[in-house]
Amino acid sequence: MNTRTESLQYPPHPHAETLSANGDIRLAGLAILASAIVSTATVALDRGASGSTTQEILQSMVRIQSWHQNVHVVAMACLCGLMYGFTVLSQRLDLRRAPVLIGLITYALGSALMLVATILDGFISTGIAADFVNGTPEAMQAARWMIHVVESIALTDIARVAWVLQSVAAIAWSVALLRDPGARRVVGYIGLVAGGLPAAMVIAAGARMDLSIVVGTLLLQAVWNLAAGVLMLRERPSV
């Protein structure tokens, strides 16, 4: 037998769940757009080391250490924002679909590698410079070699693998989007090109990857991210 209190309880309103889901989609879309714009801006604002001798290069790295670290903290936050946004997108596209699940897994792996890369570039390399800048000439030369290993070898290889994984994710999501009509299909075509080209560029460049490849990859990724963010803002709530 129901009590009076139980009889006064109202069933959950389906419209409230719809509004909540729509709010999550829009928030995720804004997260992708904001992260894409801010991350591109931080790359443009970042400062590099200068100097002709080993000591001058180390001193320059120490001078920019604080700024360099702050820029990479922002970049790490943007990676988290993009991961959140694309996780919601994957839920929206249905994680039971194989391309969607593949996209989310590969993007998560790529993002994890990018976080490692930002730590190496933003903290490890400048930390080495700060520790050895006042050392002997032999110690400073050893520091320069360690920084070379970190930035020119480890960082480059990690970034290459991360970009390929993120391209695989964009292609997988695009395949899922192409099966749907309207704006989703348009974004799917954008993803195949803007999302897939970075992998082709990185693989073709191999060990000869230069600044033009890096800039081109970042710009293409920005196009894909912006397209995905706008799509999520235009999405209608599920019923």
Protein backbone atom coordinates (compact mmCIF):
# COMPACT_ATOMS: atom_id res chain seq x y z
CA MET A 1 0.00 0.00 0.00
CA ASN A 2 1.42 3.41 -1.01
CA THR A 3 1.81 6.07 1.61
CA ARG A 4 0.62 9.64 1.12
CA THR A 5 4.23 10.81 0.66
CA GLU A 6 4.88 8.24 -2.06
CA SER A 7 1.68 9.18 -3.88
CA LEU A 8 2.78 12.82 -4.04
CA GLN A 9 6.09 12.06 -5.74
CA TYR A 10 6.28 13.06 -9.41
CA PRO A 11 7.86 10.81 -12.02
CA PRO A 12 11.03 12.14 -13.64
CA HIS A 13 10.29 14.48 -16.50
CA PRO A 14 11.81 13.27 -19.81
CA HIS A 15 12.20 16.85 -20.99
CA ALA A 16 14.63 17.54 -18.13
CA GLU A 17 16.85 14.65 -19.26
CA THR A 18 16.77 16.00 -22.82
CA LEU A 19 17.85 19.46 -21.66
CA SER A 20 20.67 17.96 -19.62
CA ALA A 21 21.93 15.91 -22.57
CA ASN A 22 21.74 18.93 -24.87
CA GLY A 23 23.65 21.00 -22.33
CA ASP A 24 26.42 18.39 -22.20
CA ILE A 25 26.70 18.42 -25.99
CA ARG A 26 26.95 22.20 -26.17
CA LEU A 27 29.46 22.31 -23.31
CA ALA A 28 31.57 19.70 -25.07
CA GLY A 29 31.37 21.65 -28.32
CA LEU A 30 32.50 24.82 -26.57
CA ALA A 31 35.33 22.87 -24.92
CA ILE A 32 36.57 21.67 -28.31
CA LEU A 33 36.33 25.12 -29.90
CA ALA A 34 38.00 26.91 -26.97
CA SER A 35 40.75 24.30 -26.66
CA ALA A 36 41.46 24.38 -30.40
CA ILE A 37 41.73 28.16 -30.49
CA VAL A 38 43.74 28.53 -27.28
CA SER A 39 46.15 25.70 -28.12
CA THR A 40 46.88 27.23 -31.53
CA ALA A 41 47.46 30.61 -29.89
CA THR A 42 49.83 29.16 -27.27
CA VAL A 43 51.97 27.56 -29.98
CA ALA A 44 52.21 30.94 -31.71
CA LEU A 45 53.09 32.72 -28.45
CA ASP A 46 55.69 30.21 -27.27
CA ARG A 47 59.29 31.32 -27.14
CA GLY A 48 62.33 29.36 -28.23
CA ALA A 49 65.90 29.43 -26.98
CA SER A 50 68.52 31.58 -28.69
CA GLY A 51 72.28 31.92 -28.66
CA SER A 52 75.33 30.67 -30.51
CA THR A 53 77.34 29.03 -27.73
CA THR A 54 76.27 26.28 -25.36
CA GLN A 55 76.28 28.64 -22.38
CA GLU A 56 74.19 31.25 -24.21
CA ILE A 57 71.63 28.62 -25.23
CA LEU A 58 71.34 27.29 -21.67
CA GLN A 59 71.04 30.81 -20.25
CA SER A 60 68.34 31.62 -22.79
CA MET A 61 66.40 28.50 -21.80
CA VAL A 62 66.59 29.48 -18.15
CA ARG A 63 65.31 32.99 -18.92
CA ILE A 64 62.25 31.67 -20.73
CA GLN A 65 61.68 28.77 -18.33
CA SER A 66 58.75 30.28 -16.46
CA TRP A 67 56.96 31.44 -19.62
CA HIS A 68 57.68 28.16 -21.40
CA GLN A 69 56.25 26.14 -18.53
CA ASN A 70 53.12 28.29 -18.28
CA VAL A 71 52.49 27.89 -22.01
CA HIS A 72 52.74 24.13 -21.71
CA VAL A 73 50.42 24.03 -18.70
CA VAL A 74 47.83 25.78 -20.88
CA ALA A 75 48.54 23.28 -23.67
CA MET A 76 47.95 20.39 -21.26
CA ALA A 77 44.64 21.92 -20.19
CA CYS A 78 43.64 22.21 -23.85
CA LEU A 79 44.46 18.54 -24.40
CA CYS A 80 42.15 17.67 -21.51
CA GLY A 81 39.43 19.92 -22.94
CA LEU A 82 39.68 18.24 -26.33
CA MET A 83 39.61 14.80 -24.71
CA TYR A 84 36.43 15.71 -22.85
CA GLY A 85 34.78 17.11 -25.96
CA PHE A 86 35.58 14.14 -28.17
CA THR A 87 34.48 11.72 -25.46
CA VAL A 88 31.05 13.35 -25.47
CA LEU A 89 31.06 13.30 -29.28
CA SER A 90 31.79 9.57 -29.18
CA GLN A 91 28.90 9.02 -26.80
CA ARG A 92 26.70 11.01 -29.15
CA LEU A 93 27.76 8.90 -32.13
CA ASP A 94 27.16 5.68 -30.12
CA LEU A 95 30.15 3.87 -28.63
CA ARG A 96 28.65 0.54 -29.72
CA ARG A 97 29.68 1.40 -33.29
CA ALA A 98 33.17 0.05 -34.05
CA PRO A 99 34.55 3.19 -35.82
CA VAL A 100 33.44 5.39 -32.91
CA LEU A 101 35.07 3.18 -30.28
CA ILE A 102 38.26 2.89 -32.33
CA GLY A 103 38.31 6.66 -32.65
CA LEU A 104 37.98 7.24 -28.92
CA ILE A 105 40.66 4.68 -28.01
CA THR A 106 43.22 5.94 -30.51
CA TYR A 107 42.54 9.58 -29.63
CA ALA A 108 43.03 8.83 -25.92
CA LEU A 109 46.35 7.14 -26.67
CA GLY A 110 47.44 10.05 -28.84
CA SER A 111 46.44 12.57 -26.19
CA ALA A 112 48.36 10.67 -23.51
CA LEU A 113 51.48 10.77 -25.68
CA MET A 114 50.97 14.48 -26.28
CA LEU A 115 50.83 15.06 -22.53
CA VAL A 116 54.18 13.28 -22.22
CA ALA A 117 55.55 15.47 -25.02
CA THR A 118 54.44 18.68 -23.30
CA ILE A 119 56.13 17.59 -20.08
CA LEU A 120 59.36 16.83 -21.91
CA ASP A 121 59.39 20.09 -23.85
CA GLY A 122 57.97 22.38 -21.18
CA PHE A 123 59.62 21.06 -18.03
CA ILE A 124 62.33 18.43 -18.54
CA SER A 125 64.42 20.30 -21.11
CA THR A 126 64.34 23.64 -19.27
CA GLY A 127 64.98 21.84 -15.98
CA ILE A 128 68.15 20.31 -17.42
CA ALA A 129 69.29 23.75 -18.60
CA ALA A 130 68.66 25.28 -15.16
CA ASP A 131 70.65 22.53 -13.40
CA PHE A 132 73.74 22.78 -15.63
CA VAL A 133 73.83 26.45 -16.69
CA ASN A 134 76.43 27.35 -14.03
CA GLY A 135 78.44 24.16 -14.37
CA THR A 136 81.76 23.43 -15.99
CA PRO A 137 82.11 23.58 -19.78
CA GLU A 138 82.03 19.79 -19.85
CA ALA A 139 78.82 19.71 -17.76
CA MET A 140 77.16 22.32 -19.96
CA GLN A 141 78.08 20.37 -23.08
CA ALA A 142 76.60 17.23 -21.52
CA ALA A 143 73.41 19.19 -20.74
CA ARG A 144 73.22 20.36 -24.34
CA TRP A 145 73.43 16.76 -25.54
CA MET A 146 70.74 15.68 -23.07
CA ILE A 147 68.46 18.46 -24.29
CA HIS A 148 69.14 17.39 -27.86
CA VAL A 149 68.07 13.84 -27.01
CA VAL A 150 64.93 15.08 -25.25
CA GLU A 151 63.78 17.63 -27.85
CA SER A 152 65.20 16.47 -31.17
CA ILE A 153 64.80 12.71 -30.73
CA ALA A 154 62.35 11.71 -27.99
CA LEU A 155 59.97 14.65 -28.39
CA THR A 156 59.89 14.40 -32.18
CA ASP A 157 59.21 10.66 -32.20
CA ILE A 158 56.52 10.91 -29.51
CA ALA A 159 54.78 13.75 -31.36
CA ARG A 160 54.88 11.82 -34.65
CA VAL A 161 53.21 8.76 -33.12
CA ALA A 162 50.67 10.95 -31.29
CA TRP A 163 49.71 12.80 -34.50
CA VAL A 164 49.25 9.53 -36.38
CA LEU A 165 47.02 8.16 -33.61
CA GLN A 166 44.94 11.35 -33.58
CA SER A 167 44.62 11.16 -37.37
CA VAL A 168 43.39 7.57 -37.11
CA ALA A 169 40.82 8.79 -34.58
CA ALA A 170 39.63 11.59 -36.88
CA ILE A 171 39.30 9.17 -39.79
CA ALA A 172 37.39 6.65 -37.67
CA TRP A 173 34.95 9.29 -36.39
CA SER A 174 34.57 10.64 -39.92
CA VAL A 175 33.61 7.19 -41.22
CA ALA A 176 30.87 7.10 -38.58
CA LEU A 177 29.74 10.64 -39.46
CA LEU A 178 29.52 9.85 -43.17
CA ARG A 179 26.76 7.36 -42.46
CA ASP A 180 24.53 10.14 -41.15
CA PRO A 181 22.84 12.85 -43.25
CA GLY A 182 23.16 16.64 -43.17
CA ALA A 183 25.87 18.47 -41.25
CA ARG A 184 27.35 15.27 -39.86
CA ARG A 185 28.19 14.05 -43.34
CA VAL A 186 29.81 17.38 -44.24
CA VAL A 187 31.97 17.25 -41.11
CA GLY A 188 32.78 13.64 -41.95
CA TYR A 189 34.26 14.71 -45.29
CA ILE A 190 36.23 17.47 -43.55
CA GLY A 191 37.55 14.93 -41.07
CA LEU A 192 38.73 12.56 -43.77
CA VAL A 193 40.83 15.33 -45.32
CA ALA A 194 41.87 17.59 -42.43
CA GLY A 195 42.04 14.71 -39.97
CA GLY A 196 43.74 12.21 -42.26
CA LEU A 197 46.35 14.41 -43.96
CA PRO A 198 48.54 14.93 -40.84
CA ALA A 199 49.26 11.20 -40.65
CA ALA A 200 50.17 11.10 -44.34
CA MET A 201 52.43 14.15 -43.95
CA VAL A 202 54.19 12.80 -40.86
CA ILE A 203 54.71 9.34 -42.33
CA ALA A 204 55.96 10.76 -45.64
CA ALA A 205 58.38 13.14 -43.90
CA GLY A 206 59.82 10.42 -41.66
CA ALA A 207 62.92 11.56 -39.82
CA ARG A 208 63.13 14.67 -42.04
CA MET A 209 60.15 16.34 -40.38
CA ASP A 210 60.69 20.11 -40.44
CA LEU A 211 58.82 23.18 -39.21
CA SER A 212 56.51 23.27 -42.25
CA ILE A 213 55.25 19.75 -41.44
CA VAL A 214 54.66 20.69 -37.80
CA VAL A 215 52.79 23.89 -38.66
CA GLY A 216 50.77 22.16 -41.38
CA THR A 217 49.80 19.36 -39.00
CA LEU A 218 48.69 21.79 -36.30
CA LEU A 219 46.64 23.86 -38.75
CA LEU A 220 44.91 20.79 -40.21
CA GLN A 221 44.12 19.52 -36.73
CA ALA A 222 42.70 22.93 -35.87
CA VAL A 223 40.38 22.76 -38.90
CA TRP A 224 39.09 19.34 -37.85
CA ASN A 225 38.67 20.41 -34.21
CA LEU A 226 36.74 23.55 -35.18
CA ALA A 227 34.48 21.57 -37.52
CA ALA A 228 33.73 19.01 -34.80
CA GLY A 229 33.07 21.75 -32.22
CA VAL A 230 30.67 23.63 -34.49
CA LEU A 231 28.86 20.38 -35.28
CA MET A 232 28.27 19.70 -31.59
CA LEU A 233 26.90 23.20 -31.05
CA ARG A 234 24.44 22.62 -33.91
CA GLU A 235 23.36 19.17 -32.73
CA ARG A 236 19.78 18.69 -31.66
CA PRO A 237 19.01 16.84 -28.43
CA SER A 238 18.10 13.18 -28.61
CA VAL A 239 14.47 12.30 -27.97
